[in-house]
């Protein structure tokens, strides 16, 4: 999972965006979503420990070309997103926004979201599906 995240980070850094790059992650608990984000963060040059923001809803990390936002929608209310300035975050082209349980807020996300579905196969194996 971390290698996939690092590889995506390399592609993201090369790409110029007009708005934030948004990655929507779907998958059950333990399917590898947070591990993927850890790899993405490493690929962006972020050295901080990346943990799931389930109880704080959102974490922000700086990297040389912008900010990575890690949002967990597992137990979120849409009102919470408004209070977090979600619209401003997703409109800033320097931001990368990765959302766990993104399917819960699918109705308010823009059309340019990169969707990835994670499946737990066994203790040491996961399946990642890119959903265009």
N, C-alpha and C. Protein backbone atom coordinates (compact mmCIF):
# COMPACT_ATOMS: atom_id res chain seq x y z
N UNK A 1 0.82 -1.20 0.00
CA UNK A 1 0.00 0.00 0.00
C UNK A 1 0.86 1.26 0.00
N UNK A 2 1.92 1.26 0.82
CA UNK A 2 2.75 2.46 0.88
C UNK A 2 3.42 2.74 -0.46
N UNK A 3 3.85 1.71 -1.17
CA UNK A 3 4.49 1.90 -2.48
C UNK A 3 3.51 2.54 -3.47
N UNK A 4 2.27 2.10 -3.45
CA UNK A 4 1.26 2.70 -4.33
C UNK A 4 1.11 4.18 -4.00
N UNK A 5 1.07 4.49 -2.71
CA UNK A 5 0.95 5.88 -2.28
C UNK A 5 2.14 6.72 -2.72
N UNK A 6 3.35 6.18 -2.56
CA UNK A 6 4.56 6.91 -2.99
C UNK A 6 4.55 7.15 -4.49
N UNK A 7 4.17 6.14 -5.26
CA UNK A 7 4.11 6.28 -6.72
C UNK A 7 3.12 7.36 -7.14
N UNK A 8 1.97 7.39 -6.48
CA UNK A 8 0.98 8.42 -6.79
C UNK A 8 1.53 9.80 -6.45
N UNK A 9 2.24 9.92 -5.33
CA UNK A 9 2.81 11.21 -4.93
C UNK A 9 3.75 11.74 -6.01
N UNK A 10 4.57 10.89 -6.58
CA UNK A 10 5.50 11.32 -7.63
C UNK A 10 4.75 11.88 -8.83
N UNK A 11 3.64 11.26 -9.19
CA UNK A 11 2.84 11.73 -10.32
C UNK A 11 2.14 13.05 -9.99
N UNK A 12 1.67 13.16 -8.75
CA UNK A 12 0.96 14.37 -8.32
C UNK A 12 1.89 15.58 -8.35
N UNK A 13 3.11 15.40 -7.86
CA UNK A 13 4.05 16.51 -7.77
C UNK A 13 4.34 17.10 -9.15
N UNK A 14 4.36 16.28 -10.17
CA UNK A 14 4.64 16.73 -11.54
C UNK A 14 3.46 17.44 -12.19
N UNK A 15 2.28 17.24 -11.66
CA UNK A 15 1.05 17.71 -12.30
C UNK A 15 0.64 19.08 -11.75
N UNK A 16 0.26 20.00 -12.64
CA UNK A 16 -0.26 21.28 -12.21
C UNK A 16 -1.78 21.21 -12.14
N UNK A 17 -2.36 21.70 -11.06
CA UNK A 17 -3.81 21.62 -10.89
C UNK A 17 -4.40 23.02 -10.74
N UNK A 18 -5.65 23.18 -11.17
CA UNK A 18 -6.35 24.44 -11.00
C UNK A 18 -7.08 24.49 -9.67
N UNK A 19 -7.37 23.32 -9.13
CA UNK A 19 -8.00 23.20 -7.81
C UNK A 19 -7.26 22.11 -7.07
N UNK A 20 -7.64 21.88 -5.84
CA UNK A 20 -6.99 20.82 -5.06
C UNK A 20 -7.15 19.47 -5.75
N UNK A 21 -6.17 18.64 -5.59
CA UNK A 21 -6.27 17.26 -6.05
C UNK A 21 -6.98 16.49 -4.94
N UNK A 22 -8.08 15.82 -5.28
CA UNK A 22 -8.87 15.11 -4.28
C UNK A 22 -8.85 13.62 -4.60
N UNK A 23 -8.50 12.83 -3.58
CA UNK A 23 -8.50 11.38 -3.72
C UNK A 23 -9.52 10.83 -2.74
N UNK A 24 -10.54 10.17 -3.26
CA UNK A 24 -11.58 9.56 -2.43
C UNK A 24 -11.28 8.09 -2.22
N UNK A 25 -11.19 7.68 -0.97
CA UNK A 25 -10.88 6.29 -0.64
C UNK A 25 -12.10 5.59 -0.07
N UNK A 26 -12.38 4.41 -0.61
CA UNK A 26 -13.46 3.57 -0.10
C UNK A 26 -12.86 2.25 0.37
N UNK A 27 -13.45 1.67 1.39
CA UNK A 27 -12.99 0.37 1.87
C UNK A 27 -13.28 0.18 3.34
N UNK A 28 -13.43 -1.06 3.73
CA UNK A 28 -13.75 -1.38 5.12
C UNK A 28 -12.55 -1.09 6.03
N UNK A 29 -12.80 -1.13 7.34
CA UNK A 29 -11.73 -0.99 8.32
C UNK A 29 -10.67 -2.04 8.04
N UNK A 30 -9.41 -1.64 8.10
CA UNK A 30 -8.32 -2.58 7.91
C UNK A 30 -7.99 -2.91 6.47
N UNK A 31 -8.59 -2.19 5.52
CA UNK A 31 -8.36 -2.51 4.11
C UNK A 31 -7.12 -1.83 3.53
N UNK A 32 -6.49 -0.94 4.28
CA UNK A 32 -5.24 -0.33 3.83
C UNK A 32 -5.30 1.14 3.47
N UNK A 33 -6.40 1.81 3.77
CA UNK A 33 -6.54 3.21 3.40
C UNK A 33 -5.48 4.09 4.07
N UNK A 34 -5.34 3.96 5.38
CA UNK A 34 -4.37 4.79 6.09
C UNK A 34 -2.94 4.43 5.69
N UNK A 35 -2.66 3.16 5.48
CA UNK A 35 -1.33 2.74 5.04
C UNK A 35 -1.00 3.36 3.68
N UNK A 36 -1.97 3.41 2.80
CA UNK A 36 -1.79 4.07 1.50
C UNK A 36 -1.42 5.54 1.70
N UNK A 37 -2.14 6.22 2.59
CA UNK A 37 -1.89 7.64 2.83
C UNK A 37 -0.50 7.84 3.43
N UNK A 38 -0.05 6.92 4.27
CA UNK A 38 1.30 7.01 4.82
C UNK A 38 2.33 7.00 3.69
N UNK A 39 2.14 6.13 2.71
CA UNK A 39 3.05 6.08 1.56
C UNK A 39 2.97 7.34 0.72
N UNK A 40 1.77 7.85 0.52
CA UNK A 40 1.58 9.09 -0.23
C UNK A 40 2.33 10.22 0.46
N UNK A 41 2.18 10.32 1.78
CA UNK A 41 2.85 11.37 2.55
C UNK A 41 4.38 11.25 2.42
N UNK A 42 4.89 10.05 2.53
CA UNK A 42 6.35 9.85 2.37
C UNK A 42 6.80 10.30 0.99
N UNK A 43 6.02 9.95 -0.03
CA UNK A 43 6.35 10.35 -1.39
C UNK A 43 6.33 11.86 -1.60
N UNK A 44 5.55 12.57 -0.79
CA UNK A 44 5.49 14.03 -0.85
C UNK A 44 6.59 14.68 -0.02
N UNK A 45 7.34 13.86 0.73
CA UNK A 45 8.41 14.40 1.57
C UNK A 45 7.98 14.71 2.99
N UNK A 46 6.81 14.24 3.39
CA UNK A 46 6.32 14.47 4.75
C UNK A 46 6.92 13.41 5.66
N UNK A 47 7.58 13.85 6.73
CA UNK A 47 8.24 12.92 7.64
C UNK A 47 7.45 12.64 8.90
N UNK A 48 6.39 13.39 9.13
CA UNK A 48 5.57 13.18 10.34
C UNK A 48 4.89 11.82 10.30
N UNK A 49 4.58 11.30 11.48
CA UNK A 49 3.83 10.05 11.58
C UNK A 49 2.39 10.31 11.13
N UNK A 50 1.91 9.52 10.21
CA UNK A 50 0.55 9.67 9.69
C UNK A 50 -0.34 8.63 10.37
N UNK A 51 -1.36 9.10 11.06
CA UNK A 51 -2.32 8.21 11.70
C UNK A 51 -3.72 8.59 11.24
N UNK A 52 -4.65 7.69 11.43
CA UNK A 52 -6.02 7.95 11.00
C UNK A 52 -6.64 9.07 11.85
N UNK A 53 -7.29 10.04 11.20
CA UNK A 53 -7.90 11.15 11.94
C UNK A 53 -9.35 10.88 12.37
N UNK A 54 -9.70 9.63 12.63
CA UNK A 54 -11.09 9.28 12.94
C UNK A 54 -11.70 10.17 14.02
N UNK A 55 -10.96 10.43 15.08
CA UNK A 55 -11.55 11.17 16.20
C UNK A 55 -11.38 12.68 16.08
N UNK A 56 -10.44 13.14 15.25
CA UNK A 56 -10.28 14.58 15.05
C UNK A 56 -10.82 15.01 13.70
N UNK A 57 -11.23 14.09 12.89
CA UNK A 57 -11.84 14.28 11.57
C UNK A 57 -10.84 14.69 10.48
N UNK A 58 -9.94 15.64 10.78
CA UNK A 58 -9.02 16.11 9.75
C UNK A 58 -7.64 16.39 10.34
N UNK A 59 -6.62 16.05 9.56
CA UNK A 59 -5.24 16.41 9.91
C UNK A 59 -4.62 17.08 8.69
N UNK A 60 -3.74 18.03 8.97
CA UNK A 60 -3.07 18.77 7.90
C UNK A 60 -1.56 18.62 8.04
N UNK A 61 -0.90 18.37 6.91
CA UNK A 61 0.55 18.19 6.89
C UNK A 61 1.13 19.07 5.80
N UNK A 62 2.21 19.77 6.10
CA UNK A 62 2.89 20.59 5.11
C UNK A 62 3.90 19.76 4.33
N UNK A 63 4.00 20.04 3.04
CA UNK A 63 5.07 19.47 2.22
C UNK A 63 5.60 20.61 1.35
N UNK A 64 6.76 20.44 0.71
CA UNK A 64 7.39 21.57 0.02
C UNK A 64 6.51 22.35 -0.96
N UNK A 65 5.57 21.72 -1.63
CA UNK A 65 4.77 22.43 -2.64
C UNK A 65 3.33 22.69 -2.21
N UNK A 66 2.99 22.43 -0.95
CA UNK A 66 1.62 22.67 -0.52
C UNK A 66 1.28 21.98 0.78
N UNK A 67 0.02 21.59 0.89
CA UNK A 67 -0.45 20.92 2.11
C UNK A 67 -1.24 19.67 1.74
N UNK A 68 -1.07 18.65 2.57
CA UNK A 68 -1.83 17.42 2.45
C UNK A 68 -2.89 17.43 3.55
N UNK A 69 -4.14 17.28 3.15
CA UNK A 69 -5.24 17.16 4.11
C UNK A 69 -5.70 15.72 4.12
N UNK A 70 -5.77 15.15 5.31
CA UNK A 70 -6.22 13.77 5.51
C UNK A 70 -7.53 13.87 6.29
N UNK A 71 -8.62 13.55 5.64
CA UNK A 71 -9.95 13.67 6.24
C UNK A 71 -10.56 12.28 6.38
N UNK A 72 -11.17 12.03 7.52
CA UNK A 72 -11.84 10.75 7.77
C UNK A 72 -13.33 11.02 7.95
N UNK A 73 -14.14 10.52 7.05
CA UNK A 73 -15.59 10.77 7.08
C UNK A 73 -16.37 9.63 7.72
N UNK A 74 -15.70 8.74 8.42
CA UNK A 74 -16.36 7.59 9.03
C UNK A 74 -17.53 8.00 9.92
N UNK A 75 -17.34 9.04 10.70
CA UNK A 75 -18.39 9.47 11.62
C UNK A 75 -18.69 10.97 11.48
N UNK A 76 -18.60 11.46 10.25
CA UNK A 76 -18.73 12.90 10.04
C UNK A 76 -20.16 13.32 9.72
N UNK A 77 -20.46 14.53 10.06
CA UNK A 77 -21.71 15.18 9.71
C UNK A 77 -21.34 16.28 8.71
N UNK A 78 -22.15 16.52 7.70
CA UNK A 78 -21.81 17.53 6.70
C UNK A 78 -21.56 18.89 7.32
N UNK A 79 -22.24 19.18 8.42
CA UNK A 79 -22.03 20.44 9.13
C UNK A 79 -20.58 20.56 9.61
N UNK A 80 -19.99 19.42 10.01
CA UNK A 80 -18.59 19.42 10.44
C UNK A 80 -17.67 19.86 9.31
N UNK A 81 -17.95 19.42 8.10
CA UNK A 81 -17.11 19.80 6.96
C UNK A 81 -17.18 21.29 6.69
N UNK A 82 -18.34 21.86 6.81
CA UNK A 82 -18.49 23.30 6.60
C UNK A 82 -17.65 24.06 7.61
N UNK A 83 -17.67 23.61 8.86
CA UNK A 83 -16.89 24.26 9.91
C UNK A 83 -15.39 24.12 9.68
N UNK A 84 -14.97 23.12 8.93
CA UNK A 84 -13.56 22.91 8.63
C UNK A 84 -13.10 23.68 7.39
N UNK A 85 -13.96 24.55 6.85
CA UNK A 85 -13.65 25.31 5.63
C UNK A 85 -13.36 24.38 4.45
N UNK A 86 -14.15 23.33 4.32
CA UNK A 86 -13.94 22.32 3.30
C UNK A 86 -13.90 22.90 1.90
N UNK A 87 -14.80 23.83 1.60
CA UNK A 87 -14.85 24.42 0.25
C UNK A 87 -13.54 25.13 -0.10
N UNK A 88 -13.01 25.87 0.86
CA UNK A 88 -11.75 26.58 0.62
C UNK A 88 -10.61 25.59 0.42
N UNK A 89 -10.62 24.52 1.20
CA UNK A 89 -9.56 23.51 1.11
C UNK A 89 -9.55 22.87 -0.27
N UNK A 90 -10.72 22.47 -0.77
CA UNK A 90 -10.76 21.75 -2.05
C UNK A 90 -10.60 22.68 -3.26
N UNK A 91 -10.65 23.98 -3.05
CA UNK A 91 -10.47 24.92 -4.16
C UNK A 91 -9.05 25.46 -4.26
N UNK A 92 -8.19 25.14 -3.31
CA UNK A 92 -6.81 25.63 -3.33
C UNK A 92 -5.94 24.66 -4.14
N UNK A 93 -5.37 25.10 -5.27
CA UNK A 93 -4.60 24.20 -6.12
C UNK A 93 -3.32 23.65 -5.49
N UNK A 94 -2.89 24.22 -4.38
CA UNK A 94 -1.69 23.72 -3.70
C UNK A 94 -2.01 22.56 -2.75
N UNK A 95 -3.28 22.28 -2.57
CA UNK A 95 -3.68 21.24 -1.62
C UNK A 95 -3.88 19.88 -2.29
N UNK A 96 -3.55 18.86 -1.53
CA UNK A 96 -3.91 17.49 -1.87
C UNK A 96 -4.82 17.03 -0.74
N UNK A 97 -6.02 16.59 -1.08
CA UNK A 97 -7.01 16.20 -0.08
C UNK A 97 -7.33 14.72 -0.26
N UNK A 98 -7.02 13.94 0.76
CA UNK A 98 -7.29 12.51 0.71
C UNK A 98 -8.38 12.23 1.74
N UNK A 99 -9.47 11.61 1.29
CA UNK A 99 -10.65 11.43 2.13
C UNK A 99 -10.96 9.95 2.30
N UNK A 100 -10.84 9.48 3.56
CA UNK A 100 -11.26 8.11 3.87
C UNK A 100 -12.77 8.11 4.05
N UNK A 101 -13.43 7.05 3.62
CA UNK A 101 -14.89 6.92 3.69
C UNK A 101 -15.55 8.03 2.86
N UNK A 102 -14.93 8.39 1.75
CA UNK A 102 -15.40 9.49 0.90
C UNK A 102 -16.79 9.25 0.33
N UNK A 103 -17.19 7.99 0.22
CA UNK A 103 -18.52 7.70 -0.33
C UNK A 103 -19.63 8.30 0.52
N UNK A 104 -19.34 8.61 1.79
CA UNK A 104 -20.35 9.20 2.67
C UNK A 104 -20.66 10.65 2.32
N UNK A 105 -19.74 11.30 1.59
CA UNK A 105 -19.96 12.70 1.21
C UNK A 105 -19.91 12.88 -0.31
N UNK A 106 -20.12 11.80 -1.03
CA UNK A 106 -20.01 11.80 -2.49
C UNK A 106 -20.85 12.91 -3.14
N UNK A 107 -22.00 13.20 -2.58
CA UNK A 107 -22.91 14.19 -3.16
C UNK A 107 -22.34 15.61 -3.17
N UNK A 108 -21.40 15.90 -2.28
CA UNK A 108 -20.87 17.27 -2.22
C UNK A 108 -19.47 17.38 -2.82
N UNK A 109 -18.93 16.28 -3.32
CA UNK A 109 -17.59 16.32 -3.91
C UNK A 109 -17.65 16.72 -5.38
N UNK A 110 -16.62 17.43 -5.84
CA UNK A 110 -16.59 17.80 -7.26
C UNK A 110 -16.37 16.58 -8.15
N UNK A 111 -16.52 16.75 -9.44
CA UNK A 111 -16.40 15.65 -10.40
C UNK A 111 -14.98 15.16 -10.62
N UNK A 112 -13.98 15.94 -10.22
CA UNK A 112 -12.59 15.58 -10.52
C UNK A 112 -11.93 14.69 -9.46
N UNK A 113 -12.70 14.04 -8.63
CA UNK A 113 -12.15 13.18 -7.58
C UNK A 113 -11.54 11.92 -8.20
N UNK A 114 -10.37 11.54 -7.71
CA UNK A 114 -9.76 10.26 -8.06
C UNK A 114 -10.29 9.26 -7.04
N UNK A 115 -11.02 8.25 -7.49
CA UNK A 115 -11.62 7.26 -6.58
C UNK A 115 -10.78 6.00 -6.54
N UNK A 116 -10.54 5.52 -5.33
CA UNK A 116 -9.81 4.27 -5.14
C UNK A 116 -10.57 3.41 -4.13
N UNK A 117 -10.76 2.16 -4.47
CA UNK A 117 -11.47 1.23 -3.58
C UNK A 117 -10.47 0.19 -3.06
N UNK A 118 -10.47 0.00 -1.75
CA UNK A 118 -9.55 -0.92 -1.09
C UNK A 118 -10.33 -2.12 -0.58
N UNK A 119 -9.79 -3.31 -0.83
CA UNK A 119 -10.44 -4.53 -0.35
C UNK A 119 -9.44 -5.36 0.45
N UNK A 120 -9.88 -5.84 1.59
CA UNK A 120 -9.07 -6.73 2.43
C UNK A 120 -9.23 -8.15 1.89
N UNK A 121 -8.13 -8.77 1.49
CA UNK A 121 -8.18 -10.15 1.00
C UNK A 121 -7.75 -11.14 2.07
N UNK A 122 -6.62 -10.86 2.71
CA UNK A 122 -6.18 -11.63 3.87
C UNK A 122 -5.16 -10.79 4.64
N UNK A 123 -4.59 -11.36 5.69
CA UNK A 123 -3.70 -10.61 6.58
C UNK A 123 -2.61 -9.84 5.85
N UNK A 124 -2.07 -10.41 4.80
CA UNK A 124 -0.96 -9.79 4.09
C UNK A 124 -1.30 -9.34 2.67
N UNK A 125 -2.57 -9.34 2.32
CA UNK A 125 -2.91 -9.00 0.94
C UNK A 125 -4.15 -8.11 0.87
N UNK A 126 -4.03 -7.05 0.07
CA UNK A 126 -5.14 -6.15 -0.19
C UNK A 126 -5.29 -5.99 -1.69
N UNK A 127 -6.45 -5.54 -2.10
CA UNK A 127 -6.70 -5.26 -3.51
C UNK A 127 -7.08 -3.79 -3.61
N UNK A 128 -6.48 -3.09 -4.56
CA UNK A 128 -6.79 -1.68 -4.78
C UNK A 128 -7.35 -1.54 -6.19
N UNK A 129 -8.51 -0.90 -6.27
CA UNK A 129 -9.17 -0.71 -7.55
C UNK A 129 -9.28 0.79 -7.80
N UNK A 130 -8.74 1.22 -8.93
CA UNK A 130 -8.89 2.61 -9.36
C UNK A 130 -10.23 2.70 -10.06
N UNK A 131 -11.07 3.63 -9.60
CA UNK A 131 -12.41 3.77 -10.17
C UNK A 131 -12.48 5.11 -10.90
N UNK A 132 -12.42 5.09 -12.25
CA UNK A 132 -12.44 6.35 -13.00
C UNK A 132 -13.79 7.06 -12.91
